Amino acid sequence: MKQNRLNRVNSLLKEVIFEVIQKEVSNPHVTTFVTVMSVDTSADLHHAKVSISIIGTDAEKAKILAALTSAAGFIAVHAAKKVKLRYFPTLTFKIDHTAEELIRVQNILANLEKERNERNPAS
């Protein structure tokens, strides 16, 4: 039961934090190419790791991550207004590389398929 509640809280925080980042953060480094992939909240609801996906170069990703880290308090305050929790967690942002890895694997598979078709053309 406790895990189910934590999953619901994580899902709700994911939506609310994404909305705050998109609509209320006015830092020029934070672009619309930021997606909240997941939120992992501690059992006591005092800390939350926010995994984000960013489209851009490594330098742009570093700037955006730094901007979100510095705006974590602002984001938490605005998100807390939308969610009624006894404790609103302290936010920690980290980059999620899952999407990049998926694209890399898809490219490798596409190249393998292309090579296989070149070696064995259909008759």
Protein backbone atom coordinates (compact mmCIF):
# COMPACT_ATOMS: atom_id res chain seq x y z
CA MET A 1 0.00 0.00 0.00
CA LYS A 2 2.81 2.39 0.91
CA GLN A 3 4.59 1.78 -2.41
CA ASN A 4 1.37 2.45 -4.32
CA ARG A 5 0.99 5.83 -2.59
CA LEU A 6 4.63 6.66 -3.34
CA ASN A 7 4.09 5.80 -7.02
CA ARG A 8 1.06 8.10 -7.15
CA VAL A 9 3.02 10.91 -5.48
CA ASN A 10 5.91 10.42 -7.94
CA SER A 11 3.53 10.54 -10.90
CA LEU A 12 1.81 13.67 -9.61
CA LEU A 13 5.11 15.42 -8.90
CA LYS A 14 6.38 14.51 -12.37
CA GLU A 15 3.43 16.29 -13.98
CA VAL A 16 3.50 19.31 -11.68
CA ILE A 17 7.27 19.84 -11.88
CA PHE A 18 7.16 19.60 -15.68
CA GLU A 19 4.35 22.17 -15.77
CA VAL A 20 6.26 24.57 -13.50
CA ILE A 21 9.44 24.22 -15.57
CA GLN A 22 7.60 24.86 -18.83
CA LYS A 23 5.34 27.72 -17.69
CA GLU A 24 6.93 29.50 -14.76
CA VAL A 25 10.71 29.19 -15.01
CA SER A 26 11.91 32.17 -17.02
CA ASN A 27 15.63 31.38 -17.10
CA PRO A 28 16.95 31.78 -20.68
CA HIS A 29 19.03 28.61 -20.32
CA VAL A 30 15.95 26.50 -19.64
CA THR A 31 14.48 25.72 -23.03
CA THR A 32 11.35 23.90 -24.07
CA PHE A 33 13.51 20.88 -24.87
CA VAL A 34 13.46 19.76 -21.23
CA THR A 35 11.31 16.76 -20.33
CA VAL A 36 10.77 15.33 -16.87
CA MET A 37 11.25 11.59 -17.31
CA SER A 38 10.65 10.45 -13.75
CA VAL A 39 10.59 11.50 -10.11
CA ASP A 40 11.91 9.23 -7.38
CA THR A 41 10.77 10.41 -3.96
CA SER A 42 12.22 9.11 -0.71
CA ALA A 43 9.89 7.17 1.59
CA ASP A 44 9.65 10.08 4.03
CA LEU A 45 8.81 12.51 1.15
CA HIS A 46 11.65 14.86 2.11
CA HIS A 47 13.82 14.35 -0.99
CA ALA A 48 13.07 13.78 -4.67
CA LYS A 49 15.41 12.97 -7.55
CA VAL A 50 14.04 14.43 -10.76
CA SER A 51 15.34 12.74 -13.91
CA ILE A 52 15.24 15.04 -16.93
CA SER A 53 15.88 14.51 -20.60
CA ILE A 54 17.40 17.37 -22.57
CA ILE A 55 17.83 17.71 -26.31
CA GLY A 56 21.04 19.55 -27.11
CA THR A 57 24.80 19.49 -26.93
CA ASP A 58 26.70 18.54 -23.80
CA ALA A 59 27.44 22.21 -23.08
CA GLU A 60 23.74 23.11 -23.40
CA LYS A 61 22.80 20.20 -21.15
CA ALA A 62 25.28 21.36 -18.50
CA LYS A 63 23.88 24.92 -18.61
CA ILE A 64 20.29 23.72 -18.37
CA LEU A 65 21.10 21.34 -15.50
CA ALA A 66 22.90 24.15 -13.64
CA ALA A 67 19.95 26.50 -14.23
CA LEU A 68 17.44 23.92 -12.96
CA THR A 69 19.61 23.15 -9.95
CA SER A 70 19.80 26.83 -9.04
CA ALA A 71 16.03 27.18 -9.56
CA ALA A 72 15.16 24.06 -7.56
CA GLY A 73 13.80 26.09 -4.64
CA PHE A 74 11.69 28.26 -6.95
CA ILE A 75 10.34 25.18 -8.72
CA ALA A 76 9.55 23.50 -5.40
CA VAL A 77 7.69 26.54 -4.06
CA HIS A 78 5.53 26.87 -7.19
CA ALA A 79 4.92 23.13 -7.41
CA ALA A 80 3.96 23.02 -3.72
CA LYS A 81 1.16 25.50 -4.45
CA LYS A 82 -0.36 22.97 -6.85
CA VAL A 83 0.09 19.86 -4.70
CA LYS A 84 -1.13 19.46 -1.15
CA LEU A 85 1.51 17.47 0.73
CA ARG A 86 2.55 17.77 4.36
CA TYR A 87 6.17 17.99 3.24
CA PHE A 88 7.23 19.07 -0.20
CA PRO A 89 10.48 17.31 -1.10
CA THR A 90 13.79 19.00 -1.77
CA LEU A 91 14.43 18.61 -5.50
CA THR A 92 17.63 17.26 -6.99
CA PHE A 93 17.94 17.21 -10.79
CA LYS A 94 19.89 14.69 -12.83
CA ILE A 95 20.10 14.00 -16.55
CA ASP A 96 18.45 10.83 -17.80
CA HIS A 97 20.34 9.35 -20.76
CA THR A 98 17.73 6.69 -21.56
CA ALA A 99 16.39 8.45 -24.66
CA GLU A 100 19.89 8.97 -26.06
CA GLU A 101 20.76 5.32 -25.47
CA LEU A 102 17.55 4.23 -27.17
CA ILE A 103 18.36 6.32 -30.25
CA ARG A 104 21.93 4.95 -30.30
CA VAL A 105 20.69 1.34 -30.14
CA GLN A 106 18.10 2.00 -32.86
CA ASN A 107 20.80 3.45 -35.11
CA ILE A 108 23.02 0.42 -34.55
CA LEU A 109 20.15 -1.94 -35.37
CA ALA A 110 19.25 0.07 -38.48
CA ASN A 111 22.88 -0.07 -39.67
CA LEU A 112 23.01 -3.82 -39.07
CA GLU A 113 19.79 -4.30 -41.03
CA LYS A 114 21.16 -2.15 -43.87
CA GLU A 115 24.40 -4.16 -44.01
CA ARG A 116 22.48 -7.43 -43.96
CA ASN A 117 20.30 -6.28 -46.86
CA GLU A 118 23.36 -5.18 -48.83
CA ARG A 119 25.06 -8.55 -48.37
CA ASN A 120 21.98 -10.63 -49.13
CA PRO A 121 19.85 -8.73 -51.63
CA ALA A 122 16.32 -10.05 -52.02
CA SER A 123 15.92 -12.17 -55.14
